[in-house]
Amino acid sequence: MKPTVISEEYLELQTEISNKQAEWAKSIDTSKVVEKKSIQHKQVPIIAQTTVNVNLDQYKEWIIELADFLVDKNNDLQNDVTKLKEILDADTVKKWANEVQAFNQIYFTTFAEQAELPEWLPYFIAEHSIRPFLRVVSDVYKEELPSLNTKGSCPCCGEPTRLAVLEGKGLKMIVCPRCEAKWNQKRLHCSFCGNEEHEGLSYYTIENDKSSKLEVCSKCNGYIKIIDTRKLFKKQTAFLLDLTSLHLDFVAQENGFGTPKEEEEVKS
């Protein structure tokens, strides 16, 4: 199997978006995004129990910049982006900021339908434009992340857990492609059900791919991609590592992993 299943063109597009997010992040006044408080609920992502103060002027600016960028890449989107700009008032920007943090794809699907826009477009733009703010939150709470137990999801933003990296002397770090949260985990540990039994965890390796593998759990049917970044020539963000390892998701799903087993079966 090829080491990646995405086209060079799409990877280039996403890399440029990732670079834009890094530039946007430099202009954020991090002291105003979130006020650090003690975490009350260890099983709930931080973003669900704190207030993220999104600068709506910046957010709208990035939405428009990203929309124009997409037009530069595909001029067929010009009419859609023009229409989007016309309806993107202050209330809509605020609504987008709130709903995208909550993964409310139904809202964005309805929005696209009512505005007669491509279904994917509003959510795609809203999501990528909010990420610099989420990354501020993950950085502010980085010391607290290992103590949270949000099985199967990022302890900061709630994104489904699917990626780990090996660093240094083989330290296993779970990383979030969305908010770039990063926390240590035992080498033998299922991110979803907490299973630490040798016989319950196994690994899939891919031919011609020496830097990555799949860790799968027979107890809950969960899986996580593990990338040995020590074997990579170029350092990549968690977002791009997740994208370029998409072939591992396909392998996992083709082998029946990724669909959670019934709770009663997991307990047995």
C-alpha atoms as a PDB file:
ATOM      1  CA  MET A   1       0.000   0.000   0.000  1.00  0.00           C
ATOM      2  CA  LYS A   2       1.174   3.531  -0.730  1.00  0.00           C
ATOM      3  CA  PRO A   3       2.454   5.440   2.341  1.00  0.00           C
ATOM      4  CA  THR A   4      -0.294   7.993   1.742  1.00  0.00           C
ATOM      5  CA  VAL A   5      -3.638   7.999  -0.059  1.00  0.00           C
ATOM      6  CA  ILE A   6      -4.040  11.733  -0.556  1.00  0.00           C
ATOM      7  CA  SER A   7      -2.942  13.655  -3.616  1.00  0.00           C
ATOM      8  CA  GLU A   8       0.042  15.993  -3.566  1.00  0.00           C
ATOM      9  CA  GLU A   9      -2.306  18.813  -4.560  1.00  0.00           C
ATOM     10  CA  TYR A  10      -4.582  18.241  -1.554  1.00  0.00           C
ATOM     11  CA  LEU A  11      -1.610  17.919   0.802  1.00  0.00           C
ATOM     12  CA  GLU A  12      -0.235  21.194  -0.523  1.00  0.00           C
ATOM     13  CA  LEU A  13      -3.617  22.868   0.057  1.00  0.00           C
ATOM     14  CA  GLN A  14      -3.830  21.644   3.640  1.00  0.00           C
ATOM     15  CA  THR A  15      -0.196  22.532   4.315  1.00  0.00           C
ATOM     16  CA  GLU A  16      -0.869  26.107   3.225  1.00  0.00           C
ATOM     17  CA  ILE A  17      -3.915  26.240   5.489  1.00  0.00           C
ATOM     18  CA  SER A  18      -1.806  24.912   8.370  1.00  0.00           C
ATOM     19  CA  ASN A  19       0.752  27.636   7.696  1.00  0.00           C
ATOM     20  CA  LYS A  20      -1.990  30.264   7.704  1.00  0.00           C
ATOM     21  CA  GLN A  21      -3.200  29.051  11.086  1.00  0.00           C
ATOM     22  CA  ALA A  22       0.313  29.373  12.470  1.00  0.00           C
ATOM     23  CA  GLU A  23       0.489  32.954  11.217  1.00  0.00           C
ATOM     24  CA  TRP A  24      -2.957  33.808  12.585  1.00  0.00           C
ATOM     25  CA  ALA A  25      -1.963  32.444  15.983  1.00  0.00           C
ATOM     26  CA  LYS A  26       0.852  35.006  16.235  1.00  0.00           C
ATOM     27  CA  SER A  27      -1.687  37.849  16.270  1.00  0.00           C
ATOM     28  CA  ILE A  28      -3.800  36.440  19.118  1.00  0.00           C
ATOM     29  CA  ASP A  29      -3.703  38.106  22.517  1.00  0.00           C
ATOM     30  CA  THR A  30      -3.496  34.821  24.390  1.00  0.00           C
ATOM     31  CA  SER A  31      -4.174  36.448  27.765  1.00  0.00           C
ATOM     32  CA  LYS A  32      -7.703  37.299  26.619  1.00  0.00           C
ATOM     33  CA  VAL A  33      -8.700  33.961  25.086  1.00  0.00           C
ATOM     34  CA  VAL A  34      -9.187  31.944  28.255  1.00  0.00           C
ATOM     35  CA  GLU A  35      -8.913  32.466  32.008  1.00  0.00           C
ATOM     36  CA  LYS A  36      -7.275  29.449  33.561  1.00  0.00           C
ATOM     37  CA  LYS A  37      -9.355  27.868  36.312  1.00  0.00           C
ATOM     38  CA  SER A  38      -9.246  24.603  38.201  1.00  0.00           C
ATOM     39  CA  ILE A  39     -10.804  21.702  36.314  1.00  0.00           C
ATOM     40  CA  GLN A  40     -13.891  20.382  38.089  1.00  0.00           C
ATOM     41  CA  HIS A  41     -14.834  17.428  35.883  1.00  0.00           C
ATOM     42  CA  LYS A  42     -12.056  15.027  34.921  1.00  0.00           C
ATOM     43  CA  GLN A  43     -14.206  13.179  32.368  1.00  0.00           C
ATOM     44  CA  VAL A  44     -15.250  16.307  30.442  1.00  0.00           C
ATOM     45  CA  PRO A  45     -13.081  18.122  27.844  1.00  0.00           C
ATOM     46  CA  ILE A  46     -11.763  21.473  29.016  1.00  0.00           C
ATOM     47  CA  ILE A  47     -13.491  23.383  26.238  1.00  0.00           C
ATOM     48  CA  ALA A  48     -16.862  22.196  27.572  1.00  0.00           C
ATOM     49  CA  GLN A  49     -16.215  23.549  31.069  1.00  0.00           C
ATOM     50  CA  THR A  50     -14.544  26.853  30.343  1.00  0.00           C
ATOM     51  CA  THR A  51     -15.248  29.970  28.300  1.00  0.00           C
ATOM     52  CA  VAL A  52     -13.224  30.531  25.147  1.00  0.00           C
ATOM     53  CA  ASN A  53     -13.235  34.238  24.349  1.00  0.00           C
ATOM     54  CA  VAL A  54     -12.972  34.279  20.565  1.00  0.00           C
ATOM     55  CA  ASN A  55     -12.052  37.648  19.092  1.00  0.00           C
ATOM     56  CA  LEU A  56     -14.894  37.790  16.584  1.00  0.00           C
ATOM     57  CA  ASP A  57     -13.258  40.462  14.443  1.00  0.00           C
ATOM     58  CA  GLN A  58     -10.194  38.272  14.003  1.00  0.00           C
ATOM     59  CA  TYR A  59     -12.339  35.207  13.451  1.00  0.00           C
ATOM     60  CA  LYS A  60     -14.321  36.905  10.694  1.00  0.00           C
ATOM     61  CA  GLU A  61     -11.114  38.176   9.107  1.00  0.00           C
ATOM     62  CA  TRP A  62      -9.700  34.646   8.994  1.00  0.00           C
ATOM     63  CA  ILE A  63     -12.949  33.220   7.632  1.00  0.00           C
ATOM     64  CA  ILE A  64     -12.835  35.673   4.742  1.00  0.00           C
ATOM     65  CA  GLU A  65      -9.108  35.150   4.164  1.00  0.00           C
ATOM     66  CA  LEU A  66      -9.565  31.386   4.040  1.00  0.00           C
ATOM     67  CA  ALA A  67     -12.592  31.695   1.761  1.00  0.00           C
ATOM     68  CA  ASP A  68     -10.618  33.885  -0.662  1.00  0.00           C
ATOM     69  CA  PHE A  69      -7.733  31.430  -0.505  1.00  0.00           C
ATOM     70  CA  LEU A  70     -10.056  28.609  -1.553  1.00  0.00           C
ATOM     71  CA  VAL A  71     -11.224  30.699  -4.500  1.00  0.00           C
ATOM     72  CA  ASP A  72      -7.605  31.217  -5.521  1.00  0.00           C
ATOM     73  CA  LYS A  73      -7.229  27.452  -5.575  1.00  0.00           C
ATOM     74  CA  ASN A  74     -10.583  26.812  -7.258  1.00  0.00           C
ATOM     75  CA  ASN A  75     -12.233  29.676  -9.090  1.00  0.00           C
ATOM     76  CA  ASP A  76     -15.479  27.677  -9.336  1.00  0.00           C
ATOM     77  CA  LEU A  77     -16.095  28.667  -5.704  1.00  0.00           C
ATOM     78  CA  GLN A  78     -16.180  32.393  -6.501  1.00  0.00           C
ATOM     79  CA  ASN A  79     -19.977  32.765  -6.536  1.00  0.00           C
ATOM     80  CA  ASP A  80     -20.372  30.704  -3.368  1.00  0.00           C
ATOM     81  CA  VAL A  81     -17.770  32.731  -1.496  1.00  0.00           C
ATOM     82  CA  THR A  82     -19.297  36.012  -2.675  1.00  0.00           C
ATOM     83  CA  LYS A  83     -22.672  34.850  -1.389  1.00  0.00           C
ATOM     84  CA  LEU A  84     -21.122  33.753   1.912  1.00  0.00           C
ATOM     85  CA  LYS A  85     -19.517  37.140   2.466  1.00  0.00           C
ATOM     86  CA  GLU A  86     -22.852  38.878   1.916  1.00  0.00           C
ATOM     87  CA  ILE A  87     -24.575  36.942   4.698  1.00  0.00           C
ATOM     88  CA  LEU A  88     -21.673  36.826   7.139  1.00  0.00           C
ATOM     89  CA  ASP A  89     -22.889  39.428   9.616  1.00  0.00           C
ATOM     90  CA  ALA A  90     -21.800  39.803  13.253  1.00  0.00           C
ATOM     91  CA  ASP A  91     -24.505  37.498  14.617  1.00  0.00           C
ATOM     92  CA  THR A  92     -23.605  34.788  12.125  1.00  0.00           C
ATOM     93  CA  VAL A  93     -19.900  34.998  12.966  1.00  0.00           C
ATOM     94  CA  LYS A  94     -20.683  34.649  16.668  1.00  0.00           C
ATOM     95  CA  LYS A  95     -22.996  31.712  15.980  1.00  0.00           C
ATOM     96  CA  TRP A  96     -20.329  30.015  13.883  1.00  0.00           C
ATOM     97  CA  ALA A  97     -17.747  30.402  16.653  1.00  0.00           C
ATOM     98  CA  ASN A  98     -20.061  28.789  19.199  1.00  0.00           C
ATOM     99  CA  GLU A  99     -21.424  25.993  17.046  1.00  0.00           C
ATOM    100  CA  VAL A 100     -18.122  24.878  15.545  1.00  0.00           C
ATOM    101  CA  GLN A 101     -16.581  24.498  18.996  1.00  0.00           C
ATOM    102  CA  ALA A 102     -19.450  22.147  19.815  1.00  0.00           C
ATOM    103  CA  PHE A 103     -18.980  20.085  16.622  1.00  0.00           C
ATOM    104  CA  ASN A 104     -22.513  21.030  15.572  1.00  0.00           C
ATOM    105  CA  GLN A 105     -22.343  19.833  11.981  1.00  0.00           C
ATOM    106  CA  ILE A 106     -26.136  19.725  11.753  1.00  0.00           C
ATOM    107  CA  TYR A 107     -26.233  23.500  12.194  1.00  0.00           C
ATOM    108  CA  PHE A 108     -23.694  24.012   9.417  1.00  0.00           C
ATOM    109  CA  THR A 109     -25.424  21.552   7.096  1.00  0.00           C
ATOM    110  CA  THR A 110     -28.683  23.447   7.588  1.00  0.00           C
ATOM    111  CA  PHE A 111     -26.895  26.765   7.121  1.00  0.00           C
ATOM    112  CA  ALA A 112     -25.407  25.575   3.825  1.00  0.00           C
ATOM    113  CA  GLU A 113     -28.755  24.297   2.618  1.00  0.00           C
ATOM    114  CA  GLN A 114     -30.598  27.521   3.434  1.00  0.00           C
ATOM    115  CA  ALA A 115     -27.861  29.670   1.890  1.00  0.00           C
ATOM    116  CA  GLU A 116     -27.614  27.368  -1.137  1.00  0.00           C
ATOM    117  CA  LEU A 117     -23.923  26.746  -0.563  1.00  0.00           C
ATOM    118  CA  PRO A 118     -21.918  23.516  -0.954  1.00  0.00           C
ATOM    119  CA  GLU A 119     -22.613  21.420   2.135  1.00  0.00           C
ATOM    120  CA  TRP A 120     -18.946  21.141   3.126  1.00  0.00           C
ATOM    121  CA  LEU A 121     -17.989  24.801   2.746  1.00  0.00           C
ATOM    122  CA  PRO A 122     -19.318  26.601   5.876  1.00  0.00           C
ATOM    123  CA  TYR A 123     -18.140  23.932   8.321  1.00  0.00           C
ATOM    124  CA  PHE A 124     -14.744  23.612   6.660  1.00  0.00           C
ATOM    125  CA  ILE A 125     -14.086  27.352   6.855  1.00  0.00           C
ATOM    126  CA  ALA A 126     -15.524  27.757  10.348  1.00  0.00           C
ATOM    127  CA  GLU A 127     -13.487  24.832  11.695  1.00  0.00           C
ATOM    128  CA  HIS A 128     -10.136  25.791  10.254  1.00  0.00           C
ATOM    129  CA  SER A 129     -10.575  29.426  11.289  1.00  0.00           C
ATOM    130  CA  ILE A 130     -11.337  28.564  14.933  1.00  0.00           C
ATOM    131  CA  ARG A 131      -8.333  26.305  15.485  1.00  0.00           C
ATOM    132  CA  PRO A 132      -5.784  28.991  16.465  1.00  0.00           C
ATOM    133  CA  PHE A 133      -8.019  29.917  19.426  1.00  0.00           C
ATOM    134  CA  LEU A 134      -8.404  26.272  20.473  1.00  0.00           C
ATOM    135  CA  ARG A 135      -4.638  25.862  20.402  1.00  0.00           C
ATOM    136  CA  VAL A 136      -4.296  28.698  22.884  1.00  0.00           C
ATOM    137  CA  VAL A 137      -6.586  26.788  25.257  1.00  0.00           C
ATOM    138  CA  SER A 138      -4.579  23.569  24.912  1.00  0.00           C
ATOM    139  CA  ASP A 139      -1.365  25.452  25.653  1.00  0.00           C
ATOM    140  CA  VAL A 140      -2.824  27.199  28.715  1.00  0.00           C
ATOM    141  CA  TYR A 141      -4.019  23.879  30.151  1.00  0.00           C
ATOM    142  CA  LYS A 142      -1.135  21.667  28.974  1.00  0.00           C
ATOM    143  CA  GLU A 143      -0.112  20.735  32.519  1.00  0.00           C
ATOM    144  CA  GLU A 144      -3.621  19.537  33.352  1.00  0.00           C
ATOM    145  CA  LEU A 145      -4.186  17.382  30.251  1.00  0.00           C
ATOM    146  CA  PRO A 146      -2.601  14.114  31.552  1.00  0.00           C
ATOM    147  CA  SER A 147      -4.871  14.126  34.602  1.00  0.00           C
ATOM    148  CA  LEU A 148      -8.091  14.133  32.575  1.00  0.00           C
ATOM    149  CA  ASN A 149      -9.789  10.896  31.559  1.00  0.00           C
ATOM    150  CA  THR A 150     -11.930  11.720  28.529  1.00  0.00           C
ATOM    151  CA  LYS A 151     -11.744   8.254  26.999  1.00  0.00           C
ATOM    152  CA  GLY A 152     -11.693   8.333  23.231  1.00  0.00           C
ATOM    153  CA  SER A 153     -11.536  12.104  22.905  1.00  0.00           C
ATOM    154  CA  CYS A 154      -9.093  14.973  23.351  1.00  0.00           C
ATOM    155  CA  PRO A 155      -9.140  16.241  26.964  1.00  0.00           C
ATOM    156  CA  CYS A 156      -8.959  19.793  25.647  1.00  0.00           C
ATOM    157  CA  CYS A 157     -11.297  20.150  22.652  1.00  0.00           C
ATOM    158  CA  GLY A 158     -13.142  16.833  22.470  1.00  0.00           C
ATOM    159  CA  GLU A 159     -11.811  15.755  19.059  1.00  0.00           C
ATOM    160  CA  PRO A 160     -11.830  11.928  18.713  1.00  0.00           C
ATOM    161  CA  THR A 161      -8.487  10.437  19.723  1.00  0.00           C
ATOM    162  CA  ARG A 162      -6.695   8.858  16.770  1.00  0.00           C
ATOM    163  CA  LEU A 163      -3.023   9.843  16.724  1.00  0.00           C
ATOM    164  CA  ALA A 164       0.084   9.307  18.849  1.00  0.00           C
ATOM    165  CA  VAL A 165       3.747  10.054  18.264  1.00  0.00           C
ATOM    166  CA  LEU A 166       6.890   8.438  19.595  1.00  0.00           C
ATOM    167  CA  GLU A 167       9.567  10.870  20.698  1.00  0.00           C
ATOM    168  CA  GLY A 168      12.983  10.838  22.365  1.00  0.00           C
ATOM    169  CA  LYS A 169      13.611   7.416  23.882  1.00  0.00           C
ATOM    170  CA  GLY A 170      10.270   6.101  22.688  1.00  0.00           C
ATOM    171  CA  LEU A 171       7.954   8.223  24.806  1.00  0.00           C
ATOM    172  CA  LYS A 172       4.363   7.798  23.598  1.00  0.00           C
ATOM    173  CA  MET A 173       2.556  11.111  23.319  1.00  0.00           C
ATOM    174  CA  ILE A 174      -1.074  11.421  22.229  1.00  0.00           C
ATOM    175  CA  VAL A 175      -1.552  14.465  20.014  1.00  0.00           C
ATOM    176  CA  CYS A 176      -4.683  16.232  18.813  1.00  0.00           C
ATOM    177  CA  PRO A 177      -4.750  17.364  15.164  1.00  0.00           C
ATOM    178  CA  ARG A 178      -7.385  19.963  15.987  1.00  0.00           C
ATOM    179  CA  CYS A 179      -6.081  21.892  19.006  1.00  0.00           C
ATOM    180  CA  GLU A 180      -2.552  20.431  19.139  1.00  0.00           C
ATOM    181  CA  ALA A 181      -3.000  19.243  22.708  1.00  0.00           C
ATOM    182  CA  LYS A 182      -0.308  16.751  23.665  1.00  0.00           C
ATOM    183  CA  TRP A 183      -0.106  14.410  26.623  1.00  0.00           C
ATOM    184  CA  ASN A 184       1.878  11.375  27.712  1.00  0.00           C
ATOM    185  CA  GLN A 185       0.392   7.888  27.746  1.00  0.00           C
ATOM    186  CA  LYS A 186       1.737   4.471  28.738  1.00  0.00           C
ATOM    187  CA  ARG A 187       3.102   2.525  25.796  1.00  0.00           C
ATOM    188  CA  LEU A 188       0.707  -0.326  26.559  1.00  0.00           C
ATOM    189  CA  HIS A 189      -2.640   1.404  27.018  1.00  0.00           C
ATOM    190  CA  CYS A 190      -5.860   1.709  24.991  1.00  0.00           C
ATOM    191  CA  SER A 191      -6.962   5.330  24.649  1.00  0.00           C
ATOM    192  CA  PHE A 192     -10.607   4.313  24.528  1.00  0.00           C
ATOM    193  CA  CYS A 193     -11.275   1.682  27.194  1.00  0.00           C
ATOM    194  CA  GLY A 194      -8.059   1.872  29.219  1.00  0.00           C
ATOM    195  CA  ASN A 195      -7.130  -1.733  28.495  1.00  0.00           C
ATOM    196  CA  GLU A 196      -3.501  -2.506  29.429  1.00  0.00           C
ATOM    197  CA  GLU A 197      -3.502  -6.264  28.862  1.00  0.00           C
ATOM    198  CA  HIS A 198      -0.823  -7.537  26.498  1.00  0.00           C
ATOM    199  CA  GLU A 199      -3.090 -10.053  24.817  1.00  0.00           C
ATOM    200  CA  GLY A 200      -5.773  -7.416  24.187  1.00  0.00           C
ATOM    201  CA  LEU A 201      -3.551  -4.959  22.343  1.00  0.00           C
ATOM    202  CA  SER A 202      -1.827  -5.705  19.061  1.00  0.00           C
ATOM    203  CA  TYR A 203      -0.170  -3.864  16.200  1.00  0.00           C
ATOM    204  CA  TYR A 204      -0.504  -3.643  12.447  1.00  0.00           C
ATOM    205  CA  THR A 205       2.473  -2.550  10.394  1.00  0.00           C
ATOM    206  CA  ILE A 206       2.274  -1.448   6.783  1.00  0.00           C
ATOM    207  CA  GLU A 207       4.681  -2.584   4.085  1.00  0.00           C
ATOM    208  CA  ASN A 208       7.058   0.192   2.972  1.00  0.00           C
ATOM    209  CA  ASP A 209       5.996   2.334   5.933  1.00  0.00           C
ATOM    210  CA  LYS A 210       8.666   2.101   8.608  1.00  0.00           C
ATOM    211  CA  SER A 211       7.643   5.177  10.586  1.00  0.00           C
ATOM    212  CA  SER A 212       4.066   4.298  11.521  1.00  0.00           C
ATOM    213  CA  LYS A 213       1.812   1.517  12.759  1.00  0.00           C
ATOM    214  CA  LEU A 214      -1.646   0.848  14.125  1.00  0.00           C
ATOM    215  CA  GLU A 215      -2.356  -0.038  17.736  1.00  0.00           C
ATOM    216  CA  VAL A 216      -5.650  -1.926  17.964  1.00  0.00           C
ATOM    217  CA  CYS A 217      -7.643  -3.109  20.958  1.00  0.00           C
ATOM    218  CA  SER A 218      -9.609  -6.351  20.748  1.00  0.00           C
ATOM    219  CA  LYS A 219     -11.506  -5.464  23.915  1.00  0.00           C
ATOM    220  CA  CYS A 220     -13.283  -2.327  22.655  1.00  0.00           C
ATOM    221  CA  ASN A 221     -12.403  -2.397  18.931  1.00  0.00           C
ATOM    222  CA  GLY A 222     -10.662   0.961  19.151  1.00  0.00           C
ATOM    223  CA  TYR A 223      -7.487   1.901  17.337  1.00  0.00           C
ATOM    224  CA  ILE A 224      -4.909   4.640  17.283  1.00  0.00           C
ATOM    225  CA  LYS A 225      -2.244   5.564  14.732  1.00  0.00           C
ATOM    226  CA  ILE A 226       1.301   5.710  16.084  1.00  0.00           C
ATOM    227  CA  ILE A 227       3.910   7.736  14.197  1.00  0.00           C
ATOM    228  CA  ASP A 228       7.576   7.414  15.111  1.00  0.00           C
ATOM    229  CA  THR A 229       8.595  11.007  14.444  1.00  0.00           C
ATOM    230  CA  ARG A 230      12.234  10.111  15.077  1.00  0.00           C
ATOM    231  CA  LYS A 231      12.197   8.398  11.681  1.00  0.00           C
ATOM    232  CA  LEU A 232      10.764  11.350   9.778  1.00  0.00           C
ATOM    233  CA  PHE A 233      12.985  13.648   7.768  1.00  0.00           C
ATOM    234  CA  LYS A 234      10.744  16.660   8.251  1.00  0.00           C
ATOM    235  CA  LYS A 235       8.886  17.788  11.358  1.00  0.00           C
ATOM    236  CA  GLN A 236       5.125  18.102  10.810  1.00  0.00           C
ATOM    237  CA  THR A 237       2.211  19.435  12.831  1.00  0.00           C
ATOM    238  CA  ALA A 238      -0.218  16.940  14.346  1.00  0.00           C
ATOM    239  CA  PHE A 239      -2.772  18.097  11.770  1.00  0.00           C
ATOM    240  CA  LEU A 240      -0.514  17.164   8.841  1.00  0.00           C
ATOM    241  CA  LEU A 241       0.658  13.923  10.479  1.00  0.00           C
ATOM    242  CA  ASP A 242      -2.965  12.895  10.816  1.00  0.00           C
ATOM    243  CA  LEU A 243      -3.618  13.755   7.185  1.00  0.00           C
ATOM    244  CA  THR A 244      -0.599  11.954   5.739  1.00  0.00           C
ATOM    245  CA  SER A 245      -1.376   8.831   7.798  1.00  0.00           C
ATOM    246  CA  LEU A 246      -4.911   8.537   6.450  1.00  0.00           C
ATOM    247  CA  HIS A 247      -3.988   5.191   4.892  1.00  0.00           C
ATOM    248  CA  LEU A 248      -3.755   3.758   8.416  1.00  0.00           C
ATOM    249  CA  ASP A 249      -7.373   4.741   9.100  1.00  0.00           C
ATOM    250  CA  PHE A 250      -8.397   2.814   5.998  1.00  0.00           C
ATOM    251  CA  VAL A 251      -6.429  -0.262   7.091  1.00  0.00           C
ATOM    252  CA  ALA A 252      -8.020  -0.137  10.552  1.00  0.00           C
ATOM    253  CA  GLN A 253     -11.526   0.185   9.167  1.00  0.00           C
ATOM    254  CA  GLU A 254     -10.965  -2.542   6.570  1.00  0.00           C
ATOM    255  CA  ASN A 255     -10.030  -4.868   9.439  1.00  0.00           C
ATOM    256  CA  GLY A 256     -13.136  -3.984  11.442  1.00  0.00           C
ATOM    257  CA  PHE A 257     -11.628  -1.558  13.942  1.00  0.00           C
ATOM    258  CA  GLY A 258     -13.080   1.835  14.770  1.00  0.00           C
ATOM    259  CA  THR A 259     -16.625   0.668  15.440  1.00  0.00           C
ATOM    260  CA  PRO A 260     -17.055   0.511  19.250  1.00  0.00           C
ATOM    261  CA  LYS A 261     -18.259  -2.760  20.696  1.00  0.00           C
ATOM    262  CA  GLU A 262     -21.398  -2.772  22.801  1.00  0.00           C
ATOM    263  CA  GLU A 263     -20.743  -1.722  26.405  1.00  0.00           C
ATOM    264  CA  GLU A 264     -21.905  -5.061  27.801  1.00  0.00           C
ATOM    265  CA  GLU A 265     -19.489  -6.904  25.514  1.00  0.00           C
ATOM    266  CA  VAL A 266     -16.565  -4.698  26.530  1.00  0.00           C
ATOM    267  CA  LYS A 267     -17.242  -5.329  30.226  1.00  0.00           C
ATOM    268  CA  SER A 268     -17.371  -9.103  29.798  1.00  0.00           C
END
